[in-house]
Amino acid sequence: MADFSLLGQAFFMALTLTFMLVGLVGTLIPIFPGIVIIWLSTLVYAVFSALAGTMTGWDWFLFALITLLAGFGTVIDNIILAAKLRESGTPWRSIIITGAALILISLFFTPLTGLLTSPLVLYLVEYLRLRERGPAWASTKALLVGFGWTFLALFATGSLMIGLWLLWVLL
């Protein structure tokens, strides 16, 4: 494959960064695969760079780090949410029902609707199970705190991935 022109390279880098930033903003929505979008953008950039013959050992090393971070980012959200809910005493059954409702509502309506209704679903499931508002609210609060910590972890991971890519591009 021929080398990119300077304008072509700048456009491709800007396009890659745009997709990465969309992925980073997407970390706000739990069902949106923001980390995966950032990694896929990096993968496409790596493939085109390799085809152009511009990938160095340093570039491959940074791509490997970004890939490791992507793997971490794809599982950490589930770990944080489950841990927060389990700390509050929420049983796995309620967690699974809430997760399934989040996915189904997001598929049939919008991811934002799924995000907004999942605390309500958890509250209802826990209230029906316990017949008490206090413990049902404790589970719901744990879910909301888990969403917050998940966003922070994913945003930090995505930012680090983008930072490593920028280091790769600039060096």
C-alpha atoms as a PDB file:
ATOM      1  CA  MET A   1       0.000   0.000   0.000  1.00  0.00           C
ATOM      2  CA  ALA A   2       1.336   3.445  -0.848  1.00  0.00           C
ATOM      3  CA  ASP A   3       2.300   5.907   1.857  1.00  0.00           C
ATOM      4  CA  PHE A   4      -0.368   8.346   2.891  1.00  0.00           C
ATOM      5  CA  SER A   5       0.026  11.919   1.839  1.00  0.00           C
ATOM      6  CA  LEU A   6       0.483  14.379   4.686  1.00  0.00           C
ATOM      7  CA  LEU A   7      -3.107  15.566   4.280  1.00  0.00           C
ATOM      8  CA  GLY A   8      -4.357  11.985   4.146  1.00  0.00           C
ATOM      9  CA  GLN A   9      -2.455  11.116   7.320  1.00  0.00           C
ATOM     10  CA  ALA A  10      -3.856  14.145   9.150  1.00  0.00           C
ATOM     11  CA  PHE A  11      -7.382  13.286   8.036  1.00  0.00           C
ATOM     12  CA  PHE A  12      -6.997   9.649   9.082  1.00  0.00           C
ATOM     13  CA  MET A  13      -5.594  10.637  12.490  1.00  0.00           C
ATOM     14  CA  ALA A  14      -8.429  13.138  13.004  1.00  0.00           C
ATOM     15  CA  LEU A  15     -11.008  10.531  12.003  1.00  0.00           C
ATOM     16  CA  THR A  16      -9.463   7.972  14.367  1.00  0.00           C
ATOM     17  CA  LEU A  17      -9.414  10.482  17.218  1.00  0.00           C
ATOM     18  CA  THR A  18     -13.045  11.417  16.508  1.00  0.00           C
ATOM     19  CA  PHE A  19     -14.153   7.792  16.826  1.00  0.00           C
ATOM     20  CA  MET A  20     -12.083   7.445  19.994  1.00  0.00           C
ATOM     21  CA  LEU A  21     -13.740  10.499  21.524  1.00  0.00           C
ATOM     22  CA  VAL A  22     -17.176   9.109  20.620  1.00  0.00           C
ATOM     23  CA  GLY A  23     -16.179   5.950  22.477  1.00  0.00           C
ATOM     24  CA  LEU A  24     -14.978   7.989  25.444  1.00  0.00           C
ATOM     25  CA  VAL A  25     -18.251   9.916  25.638  1.00  0.00           C
ATOM     26  CA  GLY A  26     -20.013   6.569  25.272  1.00  0.00           C
ATOM     27  CA  THR A  27     -18.571   5.439  28.610  1.00  0.00           C
ATOM     28  CA  LEU A  28     -21.367   7.511  30.142  1.00  0.00           C
ATOM     29  CA  ILE A  29     -23.884   4.923  28.909  1.00  0.00           C
ATOM     30  CA  PRO A  30     -23.331   1.542  30.584  1.00  0.00           C
ATOM     31  CA  ILE A  31     -24.616  -0.524  27.648  1.00  0.00           C
ATOM     32  CA  PHE A  32     -22.631   1.424  25.011  1.00  0.00           C
ATOM     33  CA  PRO A  33     -19.303  -0.309  24.226  1.00  0.00           C
ATOM     34  CA  GLY A  34     -17.169   2.835  24.485  1.00  0.00           C
ATOM     35  CA  ILE A  35     -13.952   1.020  25.360  1.00  0.00           C
ATOM     36  CA  VAL A  36     -14.456  -1.375  22.445  1.00  0.00           C
ATOM     37  CA  ILE A  37     -15.004   1.574  20.064  1.00  0.00           C
ATOM     38  CA  ILE A  38     -11.759   3.168  21.252  1.00  0.00           C
ATOM     39  CA  TRP A  39      -9.906  -0.115  20.770  1.00  0.00           C
ATOM     40  CA  LEU A  40     -11.428  -0.765  17.337  1.00  0.00           C
ATOM     41  CA  SER A  41     -10.347   2.726  16.265  1.00  0.00           C
ATOM     42  CA  THR A  42      -6.838   1.896  17.419  1.00  0.00           C
ATOM     43  CA  LEU A  43      -6.949  -1.450  15.614  1.00  0.00           C
ATOM     44  CA  VAL A  44      -7.966   0.166  12.318  1.00  0.00           C
ATOM     45  CA  TYR A  45      -5.183   2.736  12.741  1.00  0.00           C
ATOM     46  CA  ALA A  46      -2.674  -0.048  13.472  1.00  0.00           C
ATOM     47  CA  VAL A  47      -3.750  -2.093  10.448  1.00  0.00           C
ATOM     48  CA  PHE A  48      -3.430   0.867   8.083  1.00  0.00           C
ATOM     49  CA  SER A  49      -0.109   1.864   9.636  1.00  0.00           C
ATOM     50  CA  ALA A  50       1.183  -1.697   9.266  1.00  0.00           C
ATOM     51  CA  LEU A  51       0.038  -1.820   5.642  1.00  0.00           C
ATOM     52  CA  ALA A  52       1.809   1.489   5.039  1.00  0.00           C
ATOM     53  CA  GLY A  53       4.954   0.043   6.636  1.00  0.00           C
ATOM     54  CA  THR A  54       5.164   2.679   9.359  1.00  0.00           C
ATOM     55  CA  MET A  55       4.664   0.464  12.447  1.00  0.00           C
ATOM     56  CA  THR A  56       7.761   0.331  14.652  1.00  0.00           C
ATOM     57  CA  GLY A  57       8.427  -1.890  17.642  1.00  0.00           C
ATOM     58  CA  TRP A  58       7.412   0.991  19.891  1.00  0.00           C
ATOM     59  CA  ASP A  59       4.105   1.313  18.007  1.00  0.00           C
ATOM     60  CA  TRP A  60       3.376  -2.392  18.465  1.00  0.00           C
ATOM     61  CA  PHE A  61       4.231  -2.111  22.165  1.00  0.00           C
ATOM     62  CA  LEU A  62       1.788   0.784  22.616  1.00  0.00           C
ATOM     63  CA  PHE A  63      -0.881  -1.085  20.647  1.00  0.00           C
ATOM     64  CA  ALA A  64      -0.371  -4.086  22.962  1.00  0.00           C
ATOM     65  CA  LEU A  65      -0.786  -1.834  26.026  1.00  0.00           C
ATOM     66  CA  ILE A  66      -3.942  -0.322  24.566  1.00  0.00           C
ATOM     67  CA  THR A  67      -5.249  -3.840  23.891  1.00  0.00           C
ATOM     68  CA  LEU A  68      -4.570  -4.887  27.499  1.00  0.00           C
ATOM     69  CA  LEU A  69      -6.377  -1.802  28.759  1.00  0.00           C
ATOM     70  CA  ALA A  70      -9.314  -2.601  26.472  1.00  0.00           C
ATOM     71  CA  GLY A  71      -9.530  -6.096  27.941  1.00  0.00           C
ATOM     72  CA  PHE A  72      -9.457  -4.622  31.436  1.00  0.00           C
ATOM     73  CA  GLY A  73     -12.094  -2.048  30.518  1.00  0.00           C
ATOM     74  CA  THR A  74     -14.503  -4.593  29.077  1.00  0.00           C
ATOM     75  CA  VAL A  75     -14.725  -6.565  32.328  1.00  0.00           C
ATOM     76  CA  ILE A  76     -14.187  -3.949  35.042  1.00  0.00           C
ATOM     77  CA  ASP A  77     -17.639  -2.423  34.666  1.00  0.00           C
ATOM     78  CA  ASN A  78     -19.347  -5.726  35.426  1.00  0.00           C
ATOM     79  CA  ILE A  79     -17.026  -6.377  38.363  1.00  0.00           C
ATOM     80  CA  ILE A  80     -17.623  -2.947  39.914  1.00  0.00           C
ATOM     81  CA  LEU A  81     -21.416  -3.094  39.521  1.00  0.00           C
ATOM     82  CA  ALA A  82     -21.679  -6.628  40.853  1.00  0.00           C
ATOM     83  CA  ALA A  83     -19.363  -5.855  43.771  1.00  0.00           C
ATOM     84  CA  LYS A  84     -21.333  -2.762  44.794  1.00  0.00           C
ATOM     85  CA  LEU A  85     -24.619  -4.646  44.582  1.00  0.00           C
ATOM     86  CA  ARG A  86     -23.285  -7.653  46.483  1.00  0.00           C
ATOM     87  CA  GLU A  87     -21.941  -5.311  49.211  1.00  0.00           C
ATOM     88  CA  SER A  88     -25.492  -4.099  49.751  1.00  0.00           C
ATOM     89  CA  GLY A  89     -26.765  -7.679  50.048  1.00  0.00           C
ATOM     90  CA  THR A  90     -28.466  -7.759  46.660  1.00  0.00           C
ATOM     91  CA  PRO A  91     -28.817 -11.388  45.506  1.00  0.00           C
ATOM     92  CA  TRP A  92     -27.531 -12.570  42.124  1.00  0.00           C
ATOM     93  CA  ARG A  93     -31.074 -13.210  40.954  1.00  0.00           C
ATOM     94  CA  SER A  94     -32.005  -9.527  41.329  1.00  0.00           C
ATOM     95  CA  ILE A  95     -28.764  -8.469  39.650  1.00  0.00           C
ATOM     96  CA  ILE A  96     -29.408 -10.778  36.689  1.00  0.00           C
ATOM     97  CA  ILE A  97     -33.046  -9.661  36.329  1.00  0.00           C
ATOM     98  CA  THR A  98     -31.964  -6.014  36.380  1.00  0.00           C
ATOM     99  CA  GLY A  99     -29.203  -6.644  33.840  1.00  0.00           C
ATOM    100  CA  ALA A 100     -31.571  -8.493  31.532  1.00  0.00           C
ATOM    101  CA  ALA A 101     -34.122  -5.684  31.830  1.00  0.00           C
ATOM    102  CA  LEU A 102     -31.403  -3.116  31.029  1.00  0.00           C
ATOM    103  CA  ILE A 103     -30.446  -5.004  27.880  1.00  0.00           C
ATOM    104  CA  LEU A 104     -34.019  -5.652  26.728  1.00  0.00           C
ATOM    105  CA  ILE A 105     -35.221  -2.111  27.358  1.00  0.00           C
ATOM    106  CA  SER A 106     -32.112  -0.751  25.620  1.00  0.00           C
ATOM    107  CA  LEU A 107     -32.759  -2.955  22.589  1.00  0.00           C
ATOM    108  CA  PHE A 108     -36.445  -2.121  22.248  1.00  0.00           C
ATOM    109  CA  PHE A 109     -36.229   1.553  23.195  1.00  0.00           C
ATOM    110  CA  THR A 110     -32.889   3.320  23.661  1.00  0.00           C
ATOM    111  CA  PRO A 111     -29.792   2.689  25.781  1.00  0.00           C
ATOM    112  CA  LEU A 112     -30.609   5.838  27.735  1.00  0.00           C
ATOM    113  CA  THR A 113     -34.093   4.498  28.513  1.00  0.00           C
ATOM    114  CA  GLY A 114     -32.528   1.230  29.682  1.00  0.00           C
ATOM    115  CA  LEU A 115     -30.106   3.139  31.873  1.00  0.00           C
ATOM    116  CA  LEU A 116     -32.831   5.268  33.408  1.00  0.00           C
ATOM    117  CA  THR A 117     -35.220   2.384  34.061  1.00  0.00           C
ATOM    118  CA  SER A 118     -32.736  -0.151  35.469  1.00  0.00           C
ATOM    119  CA  PRO A 119     -32.700   1.427  38.964  1.00  0.00           C
ATOM    120  CA  LEU A 120     -36.500   1.337  38.948  1.00  0.00           C
ATOM    121  CA  VAL A 121     -36.455  -2.321  37.895  1.00  0.00           C
ATOM    122  CA  LEU A 122     -33.992  -3.192  40.663  1.00  0.00           C
ATOM    123  CA  TYR A 123     -36.049  -1.303  43.226  1.00  0.00           C
ATOM    124  CA  LEU A 124     -39.226  -3.144  42.171  1.00  0.00           C
ATOM    125  CA  VAL A 125     -37.521  -6.546  42.137  1.00  0.00           C
ATOM    126  CA  GLU A 126     -36.024  -5.955  45.571  1.00  0.00           C
ATOM    127  CA  TYR A 127     -39.238  -4.513  46.978  1.00  0.00           C
ATOM    128  CA  LEU A 128     -41.207  -7.519  45.739  1.00  0.00           C
ATOM    129  CA  ARG A 129     -38.601  -9.820  47.266  1.00  0.00           C
ATOM    130  CA  LEU A 130     -38.255  -8.087  50.629  1.00  0.00           C
ATOM    131  CA  ARG A 131     -41.546  -6.158  50.998  1.00  0.00           C
ATOM    132  CA  GLU A 132     -39.561  -3.305  52.573  1.00  0.00           C
ATOM    133  CA  ARG A 133     -38.632   0.072  51.096  1.00  0.00           C
ATOM    134  CA  GLY A 134     -35.386   0.610  53.029  1.00  0.00           C
ATOM    135  CA  PRO A 135     -33.477  -2.458  51.841  1.00  0.00           C
ATOM    136  CA  ALA A 136     -34.887  -2.074  48.314  1.00  0.00           C
ATOM    137  CA  TRP A 137     -33.617   1.516  48.268  1.00  0.00           C
ATOM    138  CA  ALA A 138     -30.216   0.369  49.635  1.00  0.00           C
ATOM    139  CA  SER A 139     -29.841  -1.972  46.635  1.00  0.00           C
ATOM    140  CA  THR A 140     -30.927   0.765  44.240  1.00  0.00           C
ATOM    141  CA  LYS A 141     -28.493   3.228  45.796  1.00  0.00           C
ATOM    142  CA  ALA A 142     -25.706   0.640  45.458  1.00  0.00           C
ATOM    143  CA  LEU A 143     -26.559   0.308  41.750  1.00  0.00           C
ATOM    144  CA  LEU A 144     -26.372   4.068  41.259  1.00  0.00           C
ATOM    145  CA  VAL A 145     -23.064   4.286  43.127  1.00  0.00           C
ATOM    146  CA  GLY A 146     -21.815   1.360  41.031  1.00  0.00           C
ATOM    147  CA  PHE A 147     -22.810   3.213  37.844  1.00  0.00           C
ATOM    148  CA  GLY A 148     -20.801   6.206  39.038  1.00  0.00           C
ATOM    149  CA  TRP A 149     -17.687   4.192  39.871  1.00  0.00           C
ATOM    150  CA  THR A 150     -18.023   2.259  36.633  1.00  0.00           C
ATOM    151  CA  PHE A 151     -18.150   5.474  34.630  1.00  0.00           C
ATOM    152  CA  LEU A 152     -15.051   6.794  36.397  1.00  0.00           C
ATOM    153  CA  ALA A 153     -13.132   3.554  35.800  1.00  0.00           C
ATOM    154  CA  LEU A 154     -14.155   3.356  32.136  1.00  0.00           C
ATOM    155  CA  PHE A 155     -13.523   7.047  31.502  1.00  0.00           C
ATOM    156  CA  ALA A 156     -10.063   6.791  33.074  1.00  0.00           C
ATOM    157  CA  THR A 157      -9.283   3.624  31.099  1.00  0.00           C
ATOM    158  CA  GLY A 158     -10.532   5.174  27.844  1.00  0.00           C
ATOM    159  CA  SER A 159      -8.582   8.370  28.491  1.00  0.00           C
ATOM    160  CA  LEU A 160      -5.418   6.375  29.119  1.00  0.00           C
ATOM    161  CA  MET A 161      -5.989   4.390  25.912  1.00  0.00           C
ATOM    162  CA  ILE A 162      -6.407   7.622  23.925  1.00  0.00           C
ATOM    163  CA  GLY A 163      -3.358   9.121  25.647  1.00  0.00           C
ATOM    164  CA  LEU A 164      -1.250   6.112  24.666  1.00  0.00           C
ATOM    165  CA  TRP A 165      -2.490   6.367  21.094  1.00  0.00           C
ATOM    166  CA  LEU A 166      -1.606  10.071  21.002  1.00  0.00           C
ATOM    167  CA  LEU A 167       1.852   9.191  22.324  1.00  0.00           C
ATOM    168  CA  TRP A 168       2.132   6.603  19.538  1.00  0.00           C
ATOM    169  CA  VAL A 169       1.058   9.123  16.884  1.00  0.00           C
ATOM    170  CA  LEU A 170       3.251  11.939  18.130  1.00  0.00           C
ATOM    171  CA  LEU A 171       6.445   9.891  18.548  1.00  0.00           C
END
